[in-house]
């Protein structure tokens, strides 16, 4: 598929996906949503892919929804708006369910749905001058589609404050909330992203995919149910080829073969 709103490049087993609508601050429209969904669906089936870095072109990461596009959808019927909302939900779910680590590189601003993108990233590196915000209520809207992903990251209490006020907050606060994991000067972003990529590439790809599934499963279960799930998961991994290779490599003091 040829992309109009994304720039996608591959370096070995790592794919770099850049939101590429800098003239509108990388804001979402239906075209970008469709392209991100198509890309994520294809990436999930790519057995050679080991990690993804998500970034934004120009001065900001993503400013949320394209207001011109929102002006158009305001005239949609209820059914058309419902279809449109489902399309955006599918995009976030496709990104959230990627079997490989998704590393976010955030600079400038991530607002509304842009902060939703941050929430579906497994690891987020942010510039120390980056700004975040769930600004939907300022526009008479609500952070509905991104809500489940954001609550999973920052919890209900923080969501109450930030969803209801629509207030912007800085990268330091985002790190405190668990929305981002590293905050650095802008000129250090790429170095830190590369360090995270190296770390995830040192892990066994099958184990990483299984760990991502386990995290999602545990979030939906109570502790008593989770115990059985975890026992089954580790028993399976111990007997897997990757598990055996990892233990053997550790005991033999060599790098694992994956």
Protein backbone atom coordinates (compact mmCIF):
# COMPACT_ATOMS: atom_id res chain seq x y z
CA UNK A 1 0.00 0.00 0.00
CA UNK A 2 1.25 3.47 -0.86
CA UNK A 3 0.93 5.94 2.04
CA UNK A 4 -0.11 9.58 1.76
CA UNK A 5 -0.17 10.39 5.47
CA UNK A 6 2.58 8.15 6.82
CA UNK A 7 6.28 7.79 6.15
CA UNK A 8 7.33 4.18 6.71
CA UNK A 9 10.89 2.91 6.46
CA UNK A 10 12.46 -0.38 7.41
CA UNK A 11 15.91 -0.87 8.91
CA UNK A 12 16.53 -4.57 9.35
CA UNK A 13 13.99 -5.93 11.82
CA UNK A 14 12.84 -2.47 12.96
CA UNK A 15 10.17 -0.36 11.27
CA UNK A 16 10.02 3.43 11.68
CA UNK A 17 6.52 4.89 11.21
CA UNK A 18 6.21 8.67 11.08
CA UNK A 19 2.92 10.57 11.04
CA UNK A 20 3.41 12.75 8.01
CA UNK A 21 0.90 15.61 7.94
CA UNK A 22 3.14 18.34 9.36
CA UNK A 23 1.10 21.12 7.76
CA UNK A 24 -1.77 20.26 10.15
CA UNK A 25 0.44 19.19 13.08
CA UNK A 26 -0.02 15.52 12.16
CA UNK A 27 -3.71 15.68 13.06
CA UNK A 28 -5.90 12.69 12.35
CA UNK A 29 -8.29 12.49 9.44
CA UNK A 30 -10.03 9.46 7.98
CA UNK A 31 -7.12 8.88 5.58
CA UNK A 32 -4.49 8.73 8.32
CA UNK A 33 -6.72 6.49 10.44
CA UNK A 34 -7.19 4.07 7.54
CA UNK A 35 -3.45 4.01 6.76
CA UNK A 36 -2.40 3.42 10.38
CA UNK A 37 -4.95 0.60 10.69
CA UNK A 38 -3.81 -1.04 7.45
CA UNK A 39 -0.16 -0.72 8.46
CA UNK A 40 -0.75 -2.17 11.95
CA UNK A 41 -2.75 -5.12 10.58
CA UNK A 42 0.04 -5.91 8.12
CA UNK A 43 2.77 -5.45 10.74
CA UNK A 44 1.04 -7.88 13.10
CA UNK A 45 1.40 -10.61 10.45
CA UNK A 46 5.08 -9.86 9.68
CA UNK A 47 7.13 -12.57 11.39
CA UNK A 48 10.37 -10.74 10.59
CA UNK A 49 9.40 -7.54 12.44
CA UNK A 50 10.91 -7.13 15.94
CA UNK A 51 10.17 -3.52 16.95
CA UNK A 52 8.44 -0.35 15.77
CA UNK A 53 9.23 3.31 16.43
CA UNK A 54 6.32 5.75 16.09
CA UNK A 55 7.11 9.45 15.60
CA UNK A 56 5.71 12.63 14.08
CA UNK A 57 7.07 14.83 11.29
CA UNK A 58 7.55 18.55 11.80
CA UNK A 59 7.28 20.48 15.08
CA UNK A 60 4.81 18.24 16.95
CA UNK A 61 4.01 14.56 17.45
CA UNK A 62 0.23 14.71 16.93
CA UNK A 63 -2.28 17.47 17.65
CA UNK A 64 -5.30 15.16 17.78
CA UNK A 65 -8.17 15.34 15.32
CA UNK A 66 -8.00 17.52 12.22
CA UNK A 67 -10.51 20.29 12.96
CA UNK A 68 -11.44 20.68 9.30
CA UNK A 69 -12.25 16.99 9.18
CA UNK A 70 -14.21 17.34 12.44
CA UNK A 71 -16.20 20.15 10.84
CA UNK A 72 -17.17 17.76 8.05
CA UNK A 73 -18.13 14.88 10.33
CA UNK A 74 -20.35 17.19 12.36
CA UNK A 75 -22.72 17.06 9.40
CA UNK A 76 -22.73 13.24 9.30
CA UNK A 77 -25.73 11.21 10.31
CA UNK A 78 -25.57 9.30 13.60
CA UNK A 79 -24.85 6.09 11.68
CA UNK A 80 -22.02 7.72 9.73
CA UNK A 81 -20.51 9.13 12.91
CA UNK A 82 -20.79 5.70 14.54
CA UNK A 83 -18.95 4.08 11.63
CA UNK A 84 -16.29 6.76 11.84
CA UNK A 85 -15.81 6.24 15.59
CA UNK A 86 -15.57 2.47 15.10
CA UNK A 87 -12.86 3.03 12.48
CA UNK A 88 -10.80 5.08 14.93
CA UNK A 89 -11.33 2.49 17.67
CA UNK A 90 -10.08 -0.24 15.32
CA UNK A 91 -6.94 1.81 14.66
CA UNK A 92 -6.12 2.15 18.36
CA UNK A 93 -6.85 -1.53 18.98
CA UNK A 94 -4.66 -2.59 16.06
CA UNK A 95 -1.76 -0.55 17.41
CA UNK A 96 -2.33 -1.69 20.99
CA UNK A 97 -2.35 -5.37 19.97
CA UNK A 98 0.85 -5.35 17.94
CA UNK A 99 2.86 -8.41 18.99
CA UNK A 100 6.11 -6.41 18.92
CA UNK A 101 7.16 -3.47 21.13
CA UNK A 102 5.85 -0.11 19.95
CA UNK A 103 8.21 2.70 20.98
CA UNK A 104 6.82 6.23 20.91
CA UNK A 105 9.10 9.17 20.12
CA UNK A 106 7.19 12.25 21.29
CA UNK A 107 8.11 15.88 20.78
CA UNK A 108 6.26 19.17 20.64
CA UNK A 109 2.72 18.23 21.56
CA UNK A 110 0.51 15.18 21.85
CA UNK A 111 -3.08 16.30 22.36
CA UNK A 112 -6.43 14.52 22.36
CA UNK A 113 -6.11 11.50 20.12
CA UNK A 114 -2.38 12.21 19.94
CA UNK A 115 -2.15 11.47 23.65
CA UNK A 116 -4.21 8.37 22.91
CA UNK A 117 -1.45 7.27 20.55
CA UNK A 118 1.04 7.76 23.37
CA UNK A 119 -1.12 5.55 25.59
CA UNK A 120 -1.00 2.58 23.19
CA UNK A 121 2.79 2.68 22.93
CA UNK A 122 4.62 0.14 25.09
CA UNK A 123 7.57 2.46 25.70
CA UNK A 124 7.48 6.24 25.34
CA UNK A 125 10.43 8.63 25.11
CA UNK A 126 9.40 12.28 25.34
CA UNK A 127 11.17 15.60 24.89
CA UNK A 128 11.32 17.61 28.11
CA UNK A 129 9.38 20.44 26.46
CA UNK A 130 6.59 18.19 25.16
CA UNK A 131 3.00 19.01 26.09
CA UNK A 132 0.14 16.57 26.61
CA UNK A 133 -3.58 16.96 27.16
CA UNK A 134 -6.97 15.32 26.85
CA UNK A 135 -8.47 18.49 25.46
CA UNK A 136 -11.73 17.07 24.08
CA UNK A 137 -14.03 18.79 26.60
CA UNK A 138 -12.67 22.15 25.47
CA UNK A 139 -14.28 21.39 22.10
CA UNK A 140 -17.52 20.03 23.50
CA UNK A 141 -16.37 16.45 22.87
CA UNK A 142 -15.30 13.57 25.12
CA UNK A 143 -12.17 11.32 25.15
CA UNK A 144 -14.29 8.26 24.45
CA UNK A 145 -12.39 6.13 21.92
CA UNK A 146 -9.04 6.63 23.64
CA UNK A 147 -10.53 6.21 27.13
CA UNK A 148 -9.83 2.49 27.70
CA UNK A 149 -6.20 2.78 26.62
CA UNK A 150 -5.54 5.90 28.68
CA UNK A 151 -7.15 4.51 31.84
CA UNK A 152 -5.00 1.39 31.48
CA UNK A 153 -1.94 3.66 31.51
CA UNK A 154 -2.71 6.39 34.06
CA UNK A 155 -5.60 5.06 36.15
CA UNK A 156 -9.04 6.36 37.01
CA UNK A 157 -8.07 9.11 39.45
CA UNK A 158 -5.70 10.90 37.08
CA UNK A 159 -8.17 10.43 34.23
CA UNK A 160 -10.89 12.13 36.24
CA UNK A 161 -8.75 15.21 36.73
CA UNK A 162 -7.29 15.41 33.24
CA UNK A 163 -10.35 14.33 31.24
CA UNK A 164 -12.70 16.68 33.09
CA UNK A 165 -10.46 19.75 33.03
CA UNK A 166 -8.95 19.24 29.59
CA UNK A 167 -5.84 20.85 31.07
CA UNK A 168 -2.49 20.48 29.38
CA UNK A 169 0.40 18.97 31.31
CA UNK A 170 4.12 18.65 30.76
CA UNK A 171 6.39 15.69 30.15
CA UNK A 172 7.48 15.49 33.77
CA UNK A 173 3.86 15.06 34.89
CA UNK A 174 3.31 12.55 32.08
CA UNK A 175 6.20 10.49 33.40
CA UNK A 176 4.86 10.63 36.95
CA UNK A 177 1.53 9.30 35.65
CA UNK A 178 3.21 6.45 33.75
CA UNK A 179 2.14 7.81 30.38
CA UNK A 180 5.78 8.21 29.31
CA UNK A 181 8.90 6.44 30.53
CA UNK A 182 11.84 8.71 29.73
CA UNK A 183 12.02 12.51 29.53
CA UNK A 184 15.06 14.09 27.88
CA UNK A 185 16.21 17.16 25.98
CA UNK A 186 15.02 17.00 22.35
CA UNK A 187 18.51 16.36 20.99
CA UNK A 188 18.75 13.15 23.04
CA UNK A 189 15.51 11.54 21.88
CA UNK A 190 16.95 9.48 19.04
CA UNK A 191 19.82 8.14 21.13
CA UNK A 192 17.45 7.02 23.88
CA UNK A 193 14.98 5.50 21.41
CA UNK A 194 17.86 3.54 19.88
CA UNK A 195 18.87 2.29 23.34
CA UNK A 196 15.35 1.03 24.01
CA UNK A 197 15.24 -0.65 20.60
CA UNK A 198 18.53 -2.41 21.34
CA UNK A 199 17.14 -3.63 24.65
CA UNK A 200 13.97 -5.10 23.16
CA UNK A 201 15.95 -6.72 20.35
CA UNK A 202 18.04 -8.52 22.96
CA UNK A 203 14.94 -10.39 24.13
CA UNK A 204 13.45 -13.47 22.49
CA UNK A 205 10.79 -12.38 19.97
CA UNK A 206 8.36 -15.14 20.88
CA UNK A 207 8.73 -14.40 24.57
CA UNK A 208 8.13 -10.69 23.99
CA UNK A 209 4.96 -11.39 22.00
CA UNK A 210 3.77 -13.78 24.71
CA UNK A 211 4.56 -11.19 27.40
CA UNK A 212 2.50 -8.55 25.62
CA UNK A 213 -0.44 -10.96 25.48
CA UNK A 214 0.04 -11.82 29.16
CA UNK A 215 -0.01 -8.15 30.21
CA UNK A 216 -3.28 -7.62 28.33
CA UNK A 217 -4.81 -10.78 29.79
CA UNK A 218 -3.79 -9.93 33.35
CA UNK A 219 -5.37 -6.49 33.12
CA UNK A 220 -8.76 -8.13 32.58
CA UNK A 221 -8.56 -10.67 35.42
CA UNK A 222 -8.77 -10.71 39.18
CA UNK A 223 -5.74 -12.02 41.13
CA UNK A 224 -7.17 -15.50 41.75
CA UNK A 225 -7.90 -16.05 38.06
CA UNK A 226 -4.54 -14.56 37.10
CA UNK A 227 -2.57 -17.11 39.13
CA UNK A 228 -3.66 -20.02 36.94
CA UNK A 229 -3.06 -18.00 33.78
CA UNK A 230 0.47 -17.08 34.86
CA UNK A 231 1.33 -20.65 35.86
CA UNK A 232 0.23 -21.94 32.47
CA UNK A 233 2.08 -19.17 30.64
CA UNK A 234 5.44 -19.72 32.34
CA UNK A 235 5.15 -23.51 32.06
CA UNK A 236 4.67 -23.15 28.32
CA UNK A 237 7.59 -20.75 27.92
CA UNK A 238 9.99 -22.90 29.98
CA UNK A 239 9.48 -25.80 27.59
CA UNK A 240 9.56 -23.63 24.44
CA UNK A 241 12.59 -23.60 22.10
CA UNK A 242 13.27 -19.98 23.06
CA UNK A 243 13.05 -20.77 26.77
CA UNK A 244 15.46 -23.67 26.47
CA UNK A 245 17.86 -21.65 24.34
CA UNK A 246 17.78 -18.70 26.72
CA UNK A 247 18.61 -20.83 29.77
CA UNK A 248 21.30 -22.73 27.88
CA UNK A 249 22.91 -19.49 26.66
CA UNK A 250 22.93 -18.08 30.18
CA UNK A 251 24.54 -21.19 31.63
CA UNK A 252 27.05 -21.39 28.78
CA UNK A 253 27.86 -17.67 29.09
CA UNK A 254 27.09 -16.88 25.45
CA UNK A 255 24.60 -14.75 23.52
CA UNK A 256 21.29 -16.49 22.82
CA UNK A 257 20.56 -17.47 19.22
CA UNK A 258 17.48 -15.47 18.26
